[in-house]
C-alpha cells in the first residue's frame, strides 16, 4: 500500500504539472492570438480555466496520497513506545558482530537488546528503538513484552524463553 500511494502521488504530481502547463499554454495562446474569432478566445479561456481547476484537484489528491502514506508508515512501528525511545545495547549488537540474544523490557520502561555475553560498561551504547529494529528486524517480535519481562535465546534449543522478573 505504501508503494502504491507513493507511485500514485508522483503520478498525480506529474499530471498536475502537465495540466498547469496546458493551462499556461492556453493562456499564452489567448493573449497572443491576434486574428482569432471571439469564439476561439472563449474556448481558450474556458480550456485554461478547466486545466487550472484540474491541476488544483490533482495537487490536492497528491497531497492526500502523501499524507495517508505518512500515517501508514507512522502506524507501522511495532512498539507502543515511540521510535525515538532510547534503549540500551552493546557494541557487539551495534556493529553486528553478535546477534541479539537477550531482550528486556524493564519495570521502568527501559528496553535492552544485548548479545547475551557479560559486558563491561564501556561496551554499553544507547540508541533509538527504531535503530535496533534496523539492525535486527527480529527484535520487532518482542514489541509485546510487558514491563518486567525479558526474553533469552536458548542456544541448545534455538528457542526464546520469556520470563517475568
C-alpha atoms as a PDB file:
ATOM      1  CA  UNK A   1       0.000   0.000   0.000  1.00  0.00           C
ATOM      2  CA  UNK A   2       2.883   2.388   0.801  1.00  0.00           C
ATOM      3  CA  UNK A   3       4.437   1.862  -2.625  1.00  0.00           C
ATOM      4  CA  UNK A   4       1.068   2.289  -4.350  1.00  0.00           C
ATOM      5  CA  UNK A   5       0.444   5.592  -2.533  1.00  0.00           C
ATOM      6  CA  UNK A   6       3.945   6.817  -3.358  1.00  0.00           C
ATOM      7  CA  UNK A   7       3.548   5.985  -7.050  1.00  0.00           C
ATOM      8  CA  UNK A   8       0.021   7.435  -7.123  1.00  0.00           C
ATOM      9  CA  UNK A   9       1.259  10.645  -5.502  1.00  0.00           C
ATOM     10  CA  UNK A  10       4.097  11.005  -8.005  1.00  0.00           C
ATOM     11  CA  UNK A  11       1.791  10.310 -10.967  1.00  0.00           C
ATOM     12  CA  UNK A  12      -0.720  12.850  -9.636  1.00  0.00           C
ATOM     13  CA  UNK A  13       2.018  15.483  -9.281  1.00  0.00           C
ATOM     14  CA  UNK A  14       3.197  14.862 -12.858  1.00  0.00           C
ATOM     15  CA  UNK A  15      -0.400  15.116 -14.082  1.00  0.00           C
ATOM     16  CA  UNK A  16      -0.884  18.293 -12.043  1.00  0.00           C
ATOM     17  CA  UNK A  17       2.202  19.921 -13.558  1.00  0.00           C
ATOM     18  CA  UNK A  18       1.124  18.836 -17.049  1.00  0.00           C
ATOM     19  CA  UNK A  19      -2.344  20.273 -16.536  1.00  0.00           C
ATOM     20  CA  UNK A  20      -0.923  23.551 -15.257  1.00  0.00           C
ATOM     21  CA  UNK A  21       1.386  23.671 -18.275  1.00  0.00           C
ATOM     22  CA  UNK A  22      -1.544  23.130 -20.667  1.00  0.00           C
ATOM     23  CA  UNK A  23      -3.454  25.881 -18.876  1.00  0.00           C
ATOM     24  CA  UNK A  24      -0.495  28.228 -19.239  1.00  0.00           C
ATOM     25  CA  UNK A  25      -0.171  27.378 -22.934  1.00  0.00           C
ATOM     26  CA  UNK A  26      -3.860  28.130 -23.477  1.00  0.00           C
ATOM     27  CA  UNK A  27      -3.481  31.459 -21.704  1.00  0.00           C
ATOM     28  CA  UNK A  28      -0.401  32.229 -23.785  1.00  0.00           C
ATOM     29  CA  UNK A  29      -2.386  31.454 -26.926  1.00  0.00           C
ATOM     30  CA  UNK A  30      -5.295  33.553 -25.665  1.00  0.00           C
ATOM     31  CA  UNK A  31      -3.094  36.606 -25.162  1.00  0.00           C
ATOM     32  CA  UNK A  32      -1.032  36.161 -28.325  1.00  0.00           C
ATOM     33  CA  UNK A  33      -3.640  35.228 -30.932  1.00  0.00           C
ATOM     34  CA  UNK A  34      -4.354  38.348 -32.943  1.00  0.00           C
ATOM     35  CA  UNK A  35      -6.624  37.186 -35.687  1.00  0.00           C
ATOM     36  CA  UNK A  36      -8.947  34.775 -33.900  1.00  0.00           C
ATOM     37  CA  UNK A  37     -12.661  34.956 -33.541  1.00  0.00           C
ATOM     38  CA  UNK A  38     -14.379  35.695 -30.245  1.00  0.00           C
ATOM     39  CA  UNK A  39     -15.425  32.033 -30.176  1.00  0.00           C
ATOM     40  CA  UNK A  40     -11.767  30.971 -30.283  1.00  0.00           C
ATOM     41  CA  UNK A  41     -10.903  33.331 -27.427  1.00  0.00           C
ATOM     42  CA  UNK A  42     -13.775  31.999 -25.333  1.00  0.00           C
ATOM     43  CA  UNK A  43     -12.734  28.350 -25.902  1.00  0.00           C
ATOM     44  CA  UNK A  44      -9.108  29.135 -24.991  1.00  0.00           C
ATOM     45  CA  UNK A  45     -10.165  30.913 -21.815  1.00  0.00           C
ATOM     46  CA  UNK A  46     -12.509  28.034 -20.824  1.00  0.00           C
ATOM     47  CA  UNK A  47      -9.782  25.456 -21.553  1.00  0.00           C
ATOM     48  CA  UNK A  48      -7.258  27.391 -19.468  1.00  0.00           C
ATOM     49  CA  UNK A  49      -9.726  27.630 -16.574  1.00  0.00           C
ATOM     50  CA  UNK A  50     -10.568  23.914 -16.745  1.00  0.00           C
ATOM     51  CA  UNK A  51      -6.896  22.916 -16.854  1.00  0.00           C
ATOM     52  CA  UNK A  52      -6.140  25.136 -13.816  1.00  0.00           C
ATOM     53  CA  UNK A  53      -9.033  23.585 -11.864  1.00  0.00           C
ATOM     54  CA  UNK A  54      -7.901  20.071 -12.828  1.00  0.00           C
ATOM     55  CA  UNK A  55      -4.339  20.946 -11.740  1.00  0.00           C
ATOM     56  CA  UNK A  56      -5.605  22.135  -8.360  1.00  0.00           C
ATOM     57  CA  UNK A  57      -7.689  18.979  -7.835  1.00  0.00           C
ATOM     58  CA  UNK A  58      -4.737  16.763  -8.815  1.00  0.00           C
ATOM     59  CA  UNK A  59      -2.460  18.648  -6.422  1.00  0.00           C
ATOM     60  CA  UNK A  60      -4.909  18.113  -3.548  1.00  0.00           C
ATOM     61  CA  UNK A  61      -5.176  14.400  -4.405  1.00  0.00           C
ATOM     62  CA  UNK A  62      -1.365  14.060  -4.489  1.00  0.00           C
ATOM     63  CA  UNK A  63      -1.031  15.726  -1.094  1.00  0.00           C
ATOM     64  CA  UNK A  64      -3.724  13.406   0.278  1.00  0.00           C
ATOM     65  CA  UNK A  65      -1.780  10.364  -1.009  1.00  0.00           C
ATOM     66  CA  UNK A  66       1.384  11.544   0.720  1.00  0.00           C
ATOM     67  CA  UNK A  67      -0.451  12.286   3.989  1.00  0.00           C
ATOM     68  CA  UNK A  68      -2.139   8.868   4.042  1.00  0.00           C
ATOM     69  CA  UNK A  69       1.211   7.207   3.243  1.00  0.00           C
ATOM     70  CA  UNK A  70       2.920   9.087   6.083  1.00  0.00           C
ATOM     71  CA  UNK A  71       0.210   7.966   8.520  1.00  0.00           C
ATOM     72  CA  UNK A  72       0.568   4.347   7.394  1.00  0.00           C
ATOM     73  CA  UNK A  73       4.334   4.484   7.933  1.00  0.00           C
ATOM     74  CA  UNK A  74       3.888   6.133  11.332  1.00  0.00           C
ATOM     75  CA  UNK A  75       1.427   3.462  12.458  1.00  0.00           C
ATOM     76  CA  UNK A  76       3.638   0.596  11.272  1.00  0.00           C
ATOM     77  CA  UNK A  77       6.084   0.862  14.167  1.00  0.00           C
ATOM     78  CA  UNK A  78       5.515  -2.332  16.173  1.00  0.00           C
ATOM     79  CA  UNK A  79       6.395  -0.996  19.630  1.00  0.00           C
ATOM     80  CA  UNK A  80       3.954   1.005  21.704  1.00  0.00           C
ATOM     81  CA  UNK A  81       6.883   3.260  22.654  1.00  0.00           C
ATOM     82  CA  UNK A  82       7.840   5.966  20.142  1.00  0.00           C
ATOM     83  CA  UNK A  83      10.588   5.139  17.605  1.00  0.00           C
ATOM     84  CA  UNK A  84      12.953   7.631  19.238  1.00  0.00           C
ATOM     85  CA  UNK A  85      12.768   5.885  22.636  1.00  0.00           C
ATOM     86  CA  UNK A  86      16.281   5.392  23.997  1.00  0.00           C
ATOM     87  CA  UNK A  87      17.299   1.793  24.637  1.00  0.00           C
ATOM     88  CA  UNK A  88      20.458   0.067  25.769  1.00  0.00           C
ATOM     89  CA  UNK A  89      22.522  -2.218  23.607  1.00  0.00           C
ATOM     90  CA  UNK A  90      26.100  -3.427  23.407  1.00  0.00           C
ATOM     91  CA  UNK A  91      28.817  -2.738  20.866  1.00  0.00           C
ATOM     92  CA  UNK A  92      28.536  -6.341  19.606  1.00  0.00           C
ATOM     93  CA  UNK A  93      24.908  -5.881  18.561  1.00  0.00           C
ATOM     94  CA  UNK A  94      25.566  -2.402  17.224  1.00  0.00           C
ATOM     95  CA  UNK A  95      28.426  -3.498  14.948  1.00  0.00           C
ATOM     96  CA  UNK A  96      26.543  -6.707  14.070  1.00  0.00           C
ATOM     97  CA  UNK A  97      29.357  -8.949  15.287  1.00  0.00           C
ATOM     98  CA  UNK A  98      26.854 -10.789  17.517  1.00  0.00           C
ATOM     99  CA  UNK A  99      23.062 -11.262  17.252  1.00  0.00           C
ATOM    100  CA  UNK A 100      20.565 -10.119  19.860  1.00  0.00           C
ATOM    101  CA  UNK A 101      20.142 -12.947  22.380  1.00  0.00           C
ATOM    102  CA  UNK A 102      18.693 -11.054  25.333  1.00  0.00           C
ATOM    103  CA  UNK A 103      15.780  -8.612  25.253  1.00  0.00           C
ATOM    104  CA  UNK A 104      14.475  -6.922  28.369  1.00  0.00           C
ATOM    105  CA  UNK A 105      11.610  -4.530  28.955  1.00  0.00           C
ATOM    106  CA  UNK A 106      12.442  -3.257  32.418  1.00  0.00           C
ATOM    107  CA  UNK A 107       9.945  -2.145  35.057  1.00  0.00           C
ATOM    108  CA  UNK A 108      10.849   1.500  34.395  1.00  0.00           C
ATOM    109  CA  UNK A 109      10.050   1.063  30.677  1.00  0.00           C
ATOM    110  CA  UNK A 110      13.670   0.901  29.511  1.00  0.00           C
ATOM    111  CA  UNK A 111      14.481  -1.566  26.724  1.00  0.00           C
ATOM    112  CA  UNK A 112      17.690  -3.598  26.499  1.00  0.00           C
ATOM    113  CA  UNK A 113      18.874  -5.517  23.433  1.00  0.00           C
ATOM    114  CA  UNK A 114      22.084  -7.397  24.221  1.00  0.00           C
ATOM    115  CA  UNK A 115      24.108 -10.244  22.760  1.00  0.00           C
ATOM    116  CA  UNK A 116      23.846 -12.329  25.934  1.00  0.00           C
ATOM    117  CA  UNK A 117      27.502 -12.061  26.960  1.00  0.00           C
ATOM    118  CA  UNK A 118      28.907 -10.403  30.075  1.00  0.00           C
ATOM    119  CA  UNK A 119      29.745  -6.793  29.320  1.00  0.00           C
ATOM    120  CA  UNK A 120      31.862  -4.008  30.706  1.00  0.00           C
ATOM    121  CA  UNK A 121      30.149  -0.612  30.975  1.00  0.00           C
ATOM    122  CA  UNK A 122      32.455   0.702  28.239  1.00  0.00           C
ATOM    123  CA  UNK A 123      30.656  -1.626  25.799  1.00  0.00           C
ATOM    124  CA  UNK A 124      27.211  -0.173  26.552  1.00  0.00           C
ATOM    125  CA  UNK A 125      25.560   2.088  23.990  1.00  0.00           C
ATOM    126  CA  UNK A 126      22.292   3.983  23.946  1.00  0.00           C
ATOM    127  CA  UNK A 127      20.409   4.079  20.646  1.00  0.00           C
ATOM    128  CA  UNK A 128      16.898   4.756  19.429  1.00  0.00           C
ATOM    129  CA  UNK A 129      14.447   1.854  19.406  1.00  0.00           C
ATOM    130  CA  UNK A 130      13.992   2.328  15.665  1.00  0.00           C
ATOM    131  CA  UNK A 131      17.739   1.775  15.145  1.00  0.00           C
ATOM    132  CA  UNK A 132      17.605  -1.590  16.910  1.00  0.00           C
ATOM    133  CA  UNK A 133      14.898  -2.741  14.502  1.00  0.00           C
ATOM    134  CA  UNK A 134      17.071  -1.642  11.567  1.00  0.00           C
ATOM    135  CA  UNK A 135      19.991  -3.641  12.965  1.00  0.00           C
ATOM    136  CA  UNK A 136      17.955  -6.789  13.638  1.00  0.00           C
ATOM    137  CA  UNK A 137      14.408  -6.972  12.230  1.00  0.00           C
ATOM    138  CA  UNK A 138      13.563  -9.942  14.509  1.00  0.00           C
ATOM    139  CA  UNK A 139      13.638  -7.599  17.527  1.00  0.00           C
ATOM    140  CA  UNK A 140      10.192  -6.347  16.432  1.00  0.00           C
ATOM    141  CA  UNK A 141       8.868  -9.739  17.593  1.00  0.00           C
ATOM    142  CA  UNK A 142       9.434  -8.601  21.187  1.00  0.00           C
ATOM    143  CA  UNK A 143       7.310  -5.447  20.943  1.00  0.00           C
ATOM    144  CA  UNK A 144       4.618  -7.049  23.110  1.00  0.00           C
ATOM    145  CA  UNK A 145       6.933  -7.792  26.052  1.00  0.00           C
ATOM    146  CA  UNK A 146       5.300  -6.336  29.144  1.00  0.00           C
ATOM    147  CA  UNK A 147       7.232  -4.243  31.612  1.00  0.00           C
ATOM    148  CA  UNK A 148       9.232  -6.527  33.852  1.00  0.00           C
ATOM    149  CA  UNK A 149       9.578  -9.287  31.241  1.00  0.00           C
ATOM    150  CA  UNK A 150      12.679 -10.440  29.442  1.00  0.00           C
ATOM    151  CA  UNK A 151      13.421 -12.918  26.672  1.00  0.00           C
ATOM    152  CA  UNK A 152      16.533 -15.060  26.342  1.00  0.00           C
ATOM    153  CA  UNK A 153      17.690 -17.077  23.378  1.00  0.00           C
ATOM    154  CA  UNK A 154      18.346 -20.707  24.282  1.00  0.00           C
ATOM    155  CA  UNK A 155      21.335 -21.935  22.249  1.00  0.00           C
ATOM    156  CA  UNK A 156      20.611 -25.586  22.924  1.00  0.00           C
ATOM    157  CA  UNK A 157      17.009 -25.480  21.605  1.00  0.00           C
ATOM    158  CA  UNK A 158      17.150 -22.443  19.334  1.00  0.00           C
ATOM    159  CA  UNK A 159      14.021 -21.037  21.011  1.00  0.00           C
ATOM    160  CA  UNK A 160      13.379 -17.950  23.051  1.00  0.00           C
ATOM    161  CA  UNK A 161      12.119 -18.137  26.628  1.00  0.00           C
ATOM    162  CA  UNK A 162      10.135 -15.282  28.063  1.00  0.00           C
ATOM    163  CA  UNK A 163      10.176 -14.793  31.815  1.00  0.00           C
ATOM    164  CA  UNK A 164       8.964 -12.278  34.346  1.00  0.00           C
ATOM    165  CA  UNK A 165      11.387 -10.730  36.827  1.00  0.00           C
END
